[in-house]
C-alpha atoms as a PDB file:
ATOM      1  CA  MET A   1     139.917  52.854 127.627  1.00  0.00           C
ATOM      2  CA  ASP A   2     142.804  51.353 125.702  1.00  0.00           C
ATOM      3  CA  VAL A   3     145.968  53.138 126.898  1.00  0.00           C
ATOM      4  CA  SER A   4     149.688  52.554 127.181  1.00  0.00           C
ATOM      5  CA  LYS A   5     152.336  54.364 129.225  1.00  0.00           C
ATOM      6  CA  GLY A   6     154.221  57.197 127.549  1.00  0.00           C
ATOM      7  CA  THR A   7     157.869  58.069 128.199  1.00  0.00           C
ATOM      8  CA  GLY A   8     156.912  60.220 131.182  1.00  0.00           C
ATOM      9  CA  GLY A   9     154.758  57.464 132.683  1.00  0.00           C
ATOM     10  CA  GLN A  10     151.487  59.195 131.721  1.00  0.00           C
ATOM     11  CA  ALA A  11     148.679  57.325 129.997  1.00  0.00           C
ATOM     12  CA  VAL A  12     148.720  57.667 126.202  1.00  0.00           C
ATOM     13  CA  PRO A  13     145.535  56.890 124.214  1.00  0.00           C
ATOM     14  CA  SER A  14     145.734  54.037 121.732  1.00  0.00           C
ATOM     15  CA  ILE A  15     145.470  54.657 117.981  1.00  0.00           C
ATOM     16  CA  LYS A  16     142.226  52.655 118.151  1.00  0.00           C
ATOM     17  CA  GLN A  17     140.635  55.718 119.753  1.00  0.00           C
ATOM     18  CA  LEU A  18     141.035  57.593 116.482  1.00  0.00           C
ATOM     19  CA  ASN A  19     137.877  55.847 115.251  1.00  0.00           C
ATOM     20  CA  ALA A  20     134.408  57.142 116.144  1.00  0.00           C
ATOM     21  CA  GLN A  21     130.991  55.473 115.925  1.00  0.00           C
ATOM     22  CA  GLY A  22     129.257  58.329 114.134  1.00  0.00           C
ATOM     23  CA  PRO A  23     129.098  62.091 113.634  1.00  0.00           C
ATOM     24  CA  PHE A  24     129.461  64.579 116.486  1.00  0.00           C
ATOM     25  CA  ARG A  25     125.770  65.163 117.301  1.00  0.00           C
ATOM     26  CA  PRO A  26     125.732  68.994 117.581  1.00  0.00           C
ATOM     27  CA  LEU A  27     127.101  69.282 114.009  1.00  0.00           C
ATOM     28  CA  LYS A  28     125.544  66.156 112.485  1.00  0.00           C
ATOM     29  CA  ASN A  29     123.699  67.942 109.638  1.00  0.00           C
ATOM     30  CA  LYS A  30     126.816  69.846 108.524  1.00  0.00           C
ATOM     31  CA  LEU A  31     129.064  66.802 108.960  1.00  0.00           C
ATOM     32  CA  MET A  32     126.979  64.665 106.617  1.00  0.00           C
ATOM     33  CA  LEU A  33     128.398  66.427 103.547  1.00  0.00           C
ATOM     34  CA  PHE A  34     131.382  64.056 103.838  1.00  0.00           C
ATOM     35  CA  GLY A  35     129.636  61.695 106.268  1.00  0.00           C
ATOM     36  CA  GLN A  36     127.590  60.409 103.331  1.00  0.00           C
ATOM     37  CA  PHE A  37     130.749  58.665 102.106  1.00  0.00           C
ATOM     38  CA  VAL A  38     131.350  56.665 105.307  1.00  0.00           C
ATOM     39  CA  GLY A  39     131.595  53.002 104.358  1.00  0.00           C
ATOM     40  CA  ASP A  40     133.388  50.779 101.874  1.00  0.00           C
ATOM     41  CA  TRP A  41     133.366  51.523  98.151  1.00  0.00           C
ATOM     42  CA  ASP A  42     134.677  50.006  94.923  1.00  0.00           C
ATOM     43  CA  ILE A  43     136.379  52.249  92.424  1.00  0.00           C
ATOM     44  CA  VAL A  44     134.750  50.624  89.412  1.00  0.00           C
ATOM     45  CA  GLU A  45     136.816  52.594  86.937  1.00  0.00           C
ATOM     46  CA  ALA A  46     139.600  55.118  87.404  1.00  0.00           C
ATOM     47  CA  LYS A  47     141.332  56.922  84.570  1.00  0.00           C
ATOM     48  CA  SER A  48     144.471  59.038  84.840  1.00  0.00           C
ATOM     49  CA  LEU A  49     145.680  61.369  82.112  1.00  0.00           C
ATOM     50  CA  GLN A  50     149.227  60.495  81.064  1.00  0.00           C
ATOM     51  CA  GLU A  51     151.852  62.958  79.801  1.00  0.00           C
ATOM     52  CA  ASP A  52     151.414  61.668  76.231  1.00  0.00           C
ATOM     53  CA  GLY A  53     147.677  62.493  76.341  1.00  0.00           C
ATOM     54  CA  SER A  54     146.521  58.884  76.732  1.00  0.00           C
ATOM     55  CA  TRP A  55     144.430  57.615  79.653  1.00  0.00           C
ATOM     56  CA  LYS A  56     145.599  54.859  82.012  1.00  0.00           C
ATOM     57  CA  SER A  57     142.783  52.777  83.534  1.00  0.00           C
ATOM     58  CA  SER A  58     142.691  51.053  86.889  1.00  0.00           C
ATOM     59  CA  LYS A  59     140.288  49.977  89.624  1.00  0.00           C
ATOM     60  CA  GLY A  60     140.456  50.202  93.370  1.00  0.00           C
ATOM     61  CA  GLU A  61     138.790  50.700  96.708  1.00  0.00           C
ATOM     62  CA  LEU A  62     137.811  53.595  98.940  1.00  0.00           C
ATOM     63  CA  HIS A  63     137.253  53.132 102.670  1.00  0.00           C
ATOM     64  CA  SER A  64     135.881  55.994 104.731  1.00  0.00           C
ATOM     65  CA  GLY A  65     135.033  56.369 108.409  1.00  0.00           C
ATOM     66  CA  TRP A  66     134.386  58.742 111.298  1.00  0.00           C
ATOM     67  CA  ILE A  67     137.360  59.791 113.435  1.00  0.00           C
ATOM     68  CA  LEU A  68     138.247  62.159 116.285  1.00  0.00           C
ATOM     69  CA  GLY A  69     135.007  61.922 118.213  1.00  0.00           C
ATOM     70  CA  GLY A  70     132.947  62.130 115.029  1.00  0.00           C
ATOM     71  CA  THR A  71     134.249  65.601 114.142  1.00  0.00           C
ATOM     72  CA  ALA A  72     136.121  64.438 111.032  1.00  0.00           C
ATOM     73  CA  VAL A  73     135.974  61.851 108.247  1.00  0.00           C
ATOM     74  CA  GLN A  74     139.033  59.963 107.054  1.00  0.00           C
ATOM     75  CA  ASP A  75     139.243  58.021 103.828  1.00  0.00           C
ATOM     76  CA  ILE A  76     141.824  55.689 102.363  1.00  0.00           C
ATOM     77  CA  TRP A  77     142.140  55.401  98.585  1.00  0.00           C
ATOM     78  CA  LYS A  78     143.683  52.246  97.127  1.00  0.00           C
ATOM     79  CA  SER A  79     144.131  51.461  93.444  1.00  0.00           C
ATOM     80  CA  THR A  80     144.671  48.141  91.742  1.00  0.00           C
ATOM     81  CA  GLY A  81     145.779  47.775  88.184  1.00  0.00           C
ATOM     82  CA  ASN A  82     147.962  45.499  86.124  1.00  0.00           C
ATOM     83  CA  GLY A  83     148.138  43.027  89.009  1.00  0.00           C
ATOM     84  CA  THR A  84     149.581  45.592  91.432  1.00  0.00           C
ATOM     85  CA  GLU A  85     148.083  47.259  94.476  1.00  0.00           C
ATOM     86  CA  ASP A  86     148.880  50.804  95.623  1.00  0.00           C
ATOM     87  CA  THR A  87     147.554  52.501  98.725  1.00  0.00           C
ATOM     88  CA  GLY A  88     147.365  55.879  97.069  1.00  0.00           C
ATOM     89  CA  GLY A  89     146.855  57.820 100.240  1.00  0.00           C
ATOM     90  CA  THR A  90     144.497  59.149 102.854  1.00  0.00           C
ATOM     91  CA  THR A  91     142.407  62.271 103.231  1.00  0.00           C
ATOM     92  CA  ILE A  92     141.132  63.810 106.437  1.00  0.00           C
ATOM     93  CA  HIS A  93     138.090  66.083 106.041  1.00  0.00           C
ATOM     94  CA  PHE A  94     136.862  68.321 108.860  1.00  0.00           C
ATOM     95  CA  TYR A  95     134.202  71.019 109.008  1.00  0.00           C
ATOM     96  CA  ASP A  96     135.061  74.591 110.053  1.00  0.00           C
ATOM     97  CA  SER A  97     131.880  76.190 111.422  1.00  0.00           C
ATOM     98  CA  GLU A  98     133.469  79.652 111.451  1.00  0.00           C
ATOM     99  CA  SER A  99     133.987  79.693 107.665  1.00  0.00           C
ATOM    100  CA  ASP A 100     131.184  77.197 106.868  1.00  0.00           C
ATOM    101  CA  CYS A 101     133.705  75.266 104.742  1.00  0.00           C
ATOM    102  CA  TRP A 102     135.478  71.953 104.868  1.00  0.00           C
ATOM    103  CA  ASN A 103     139.236  71.645 105.258  1.00  0.00           C
ATOM    104  CA  SER A 104     140.728  68.541 103.685  1.00  0.00           C
ATOM    105  CA  VAL A 105     144.295  67.287 103.778  1.00  0.00           C
ATOM    106  CA  TRP A 106     145.495  64.643 101.297  1.00  0.00           C
ATOM    107  CA  ILE A 107     148.575  62.644 102.306  1.00  0.00           C
ATOM    108  CA  SER A 108     150.257  60.228  99.910  1.00  0.00           C
ATOM    109  CA  PRO A 109     153.583  58.745 101.036  1.00  0.00           C
ATOM    110  CA  ASN A 110     153.957  56.940  97.674  1.00  0.00           C
ATOM    111  CA  GLN A 111     153.689  60.269  95.831  1.00  0.00           C
ATOM    112  CA  ALA A 112     155.600  62.184  98.561  1.00  0.00           C
ATOM    113  CA  THR A 113     152.651  64.599  98.581  1.00  0.00           C
ATOM    114  CA  ILE A 114     150.722  66.586 101.153  1.00  0.00           C
ATOM    115  CA  ARG A 115     148.017  68.801  99.682  1.00  0.00           C
ATOM    116  CA  GLY A 116     145.474  71.004 101.441  1.00  0.00           C
ATOM    117  CA  PHE A 117     141.995  71.825 100.140  1.00  0.00           C
ATOM    118  CA  VAL A 118     139.083  74.010 101.146  1.00  0.00           C
ATOM    119  CA  GLY A 119     135.684  72.822 100.009  1.00  0.00           C
ATOM    120  CA  LYS A 120     131.959  73.215 100.096  1.00  0.00           C
ATOM    121  CA  LYS A 121     128.836  72.162  98.308  1.00  0.00           C
ATOM    122  CA  LYS A 122     128.277  74.069  95.056  1.00  0.00           C
ATOM    123  CA  GLY A 123     124.948  73.207  93.486  1.00  0.00           C
ATOM    124  CA  LYS A 124     124.801  69.410  93.264  1.00  0.00           C
ATOM    125  CA  GLU A 125     128.571  68.957  93.576  1.00  0.00           C
ATOM    126  CA  ILE A 126     131.137  69.024  96.356  1.00  0.00           C
ATOM    127  CA  VAL A 127     134.112  71.070  95.197  1.00  0.00           C
ATOM    128  CA  LEU A 128     137.485  71.047  96.958  1.00  0.00           C
ATOM    129  CA  GLU A 129     139.938  73.699  95.773  1.00  0.00           C
ATOM    130  CA  SER A 130     143.699  73.740  96.258  1.00  0.00           C
ATOM    131  CA  ARG A 131     146.532  75.984  95.187  1.00  0.00           C
ATOM    132  CA  GLU A 132     149.801  74.193  94.745  1.00  0.00           C
ATOM    133  CA  THR A 133     153.135  75.858  95.334  1.00  0.00           C
ATOM    134  CA  ASN A 134     153.935  75.849  91.620  1.00  0.00           C
ATOM    135  CA  LYS A 135     150.943  78.172  90.965  1.00  0.00           C
ATOM    136  CA  LYS A 136     148.902  75.306  89.495  1.00  0.00           C
ATOM    137  CA  PHE A 137     145.367  75.486  90.843  1.00  0.00           C
ATOM    138  CA  MET A 138     143.560  72.202  91.384  1.00  0.00           C
ATOM    139  CA  LYS A 139     139.981  71.124  92.091  1.00  0.00           C
ATOM    140  CA  TRP A 140     138.640  67.800  93.272  1.00  0.00           C
ATOM    141  CA  ILE A 141     134.953  67.416  92.471  1.00  0.00           C
ATOM    142  CA  PHE A 142     132.480  64.857  93.804  1.00  0.00           C
ATOM    143  CA  TYR A 143     129.430  64.752  91.515  1.00  0.00           C
ATOM    144  CA  GLU A 144     126.420  62.658  90.473  1.00  0.00           C
ATOM    145  CA  LEU A 145     126.033  61.915  94.188  1.00  0.00           C
ATOM    146  CA  GLY A 146     123.718  59.030  95.063  1.00  0.00           C
ATOM    147  CA  ASP A 147     123.201  56.777  98.068  1.00  0.00           C
ATOM    148  CA  ASN A 148     125.226  53.980  96.507  1.00  0.00           C
ATOM    149  CA  SER A 149     127.370  55.667  93.869  1.00  0.00           C
ATOM    150  CA  PHE A 150     129.119  58.869  92.893  1.00  0.00           C
ATOM    151  CA  LYS A 151     131.704  60.157  90.481  1.00  0.00           C
ATOM    152  CA  TRP A 152     134.905  62.027  91.227  1.00  0.00           C
ATOM    153  CA  ARG A 153     137.275  64.023  89.056  1.00  0.00           C
ATOM    154  CA  ALA A 154     140.425  66.092  89.409  1.00  0.00           C
ATOM    155  CA  GLU A 155     140.981  69.216  87.330  1.00  0.00           C
ATOM    156  CA  TYR A 156     143.821  71.687  87.147  1.00  0.00           C
ATOM    157  CA  THR A 157     144.520  75.049  85.572  1.00  0.00           C
ATOM    158  CA  ARG A 158     147.732  76.945  85.006  1.00  0.00           C
ATOM    159  CA  ASP A 159     146.001  80.190  83.954  1.00  0.00           C
ATOM    160  CA  SER A 160     144.048  81.132  87.098  1.00  0.00           C
ATOM    161  CA  GLY A 161     140.907  79.321  86.039  1.00  0.00           C
ATOM    162  CA  GLU A 162     140.499  80.384  82.406  1.00  0.00           C
ATOM    163  CA  ASN A 163     140.979  76.817  81.156  1.00  0.00           C
ATOM    164  CA  TRP A 164     140.636  73.588  83.135  1.00  0.00           C
ATOM    165  CA  THR A 165     142.022  70.142  82.283  1.00  0.00           C
ATOM    166  CA  VAL A 166     140.582  66.929  83.720  1.00  0.00           C
ATOM    167  CA  THR A 167     143.498  64.779  84.911  1.00  0.00           C
ATOM    168  CA  GLU A 168     141.690  61.995  86.762  1.00  0.00           C
ATOM    169  CA  LYS A 169     138.160  60.625  86.834  1.00  0.00           C
ATOM    170  CA  MET A 170     136.510  57.835  88.771  1.00  0.00           C
ATOM    171  CA  THR A 171     133.210  56.002  88.977  1.00  0.00           C
ATOM    172  CA  ILE A 172     132.658  54.747  92.528  1.00  0.00           C
ATOM    173  CA  ARG A 173     130.029  52.319  93.893  1.00  0.00           C
ATOM    174  CA  ARG A 174     129.253  51.345  97.478  1.00  0.00           C
ATOM    175  CA  GLN A 175     130.282  47.757  98.151  1.00  0.00           C
ATOM    176  CA  ARG A 176     127.253  45.467  98.163  1.00  0.00           C
ATOM    177  CA  LYS A 177     127.799  44.311 101.761  1.00  0.00           C
ATOM    178  CA  ASN A 178     127.239  47.906 102.954  1.00  0.00           C
ATOM    179  CA  ARG A 179     123.995  48.579 101.125  1.00  0.00           C
ATOM    180  CA  GLY A 180     120.880  49.023 103.224  1.00  0.00           C
END
């Protein structure tokens, strides 16, 4: 076990112990909803809606892995565009067996944002729903799910779901080195 001594002299686990080798066995089937994304991915195309109505394009990477004894999945989103690189942020997804839903927390220091979501599978999509403090409802949707690719989009509404606007969309492919 990789430990160091805390201020009180007690052993403190290393950050390396955050990682896990795979899903927590008793919940493996439920955990695979987000476990299917574990690995390294290329964001082949990302588009963000700008205030003027135009779309800004970029590319990037997504890296996802098991953490906390295999009870959660963490991903790191990184975009590259115009010769710059931006670690957009990280999401931690964990399953709540009591509600049969997923809780997800997005953290982006660059955007000074922390956003919570509750999600589940709806038909062939995974839908995460959030309500921001400014009464703007948001959804993150994973769709066209395949073993080696999927699409993702962000939508928001300001009228309690009557009308939705797509604000971001991505096409994502598993990196070749990770393909079976």
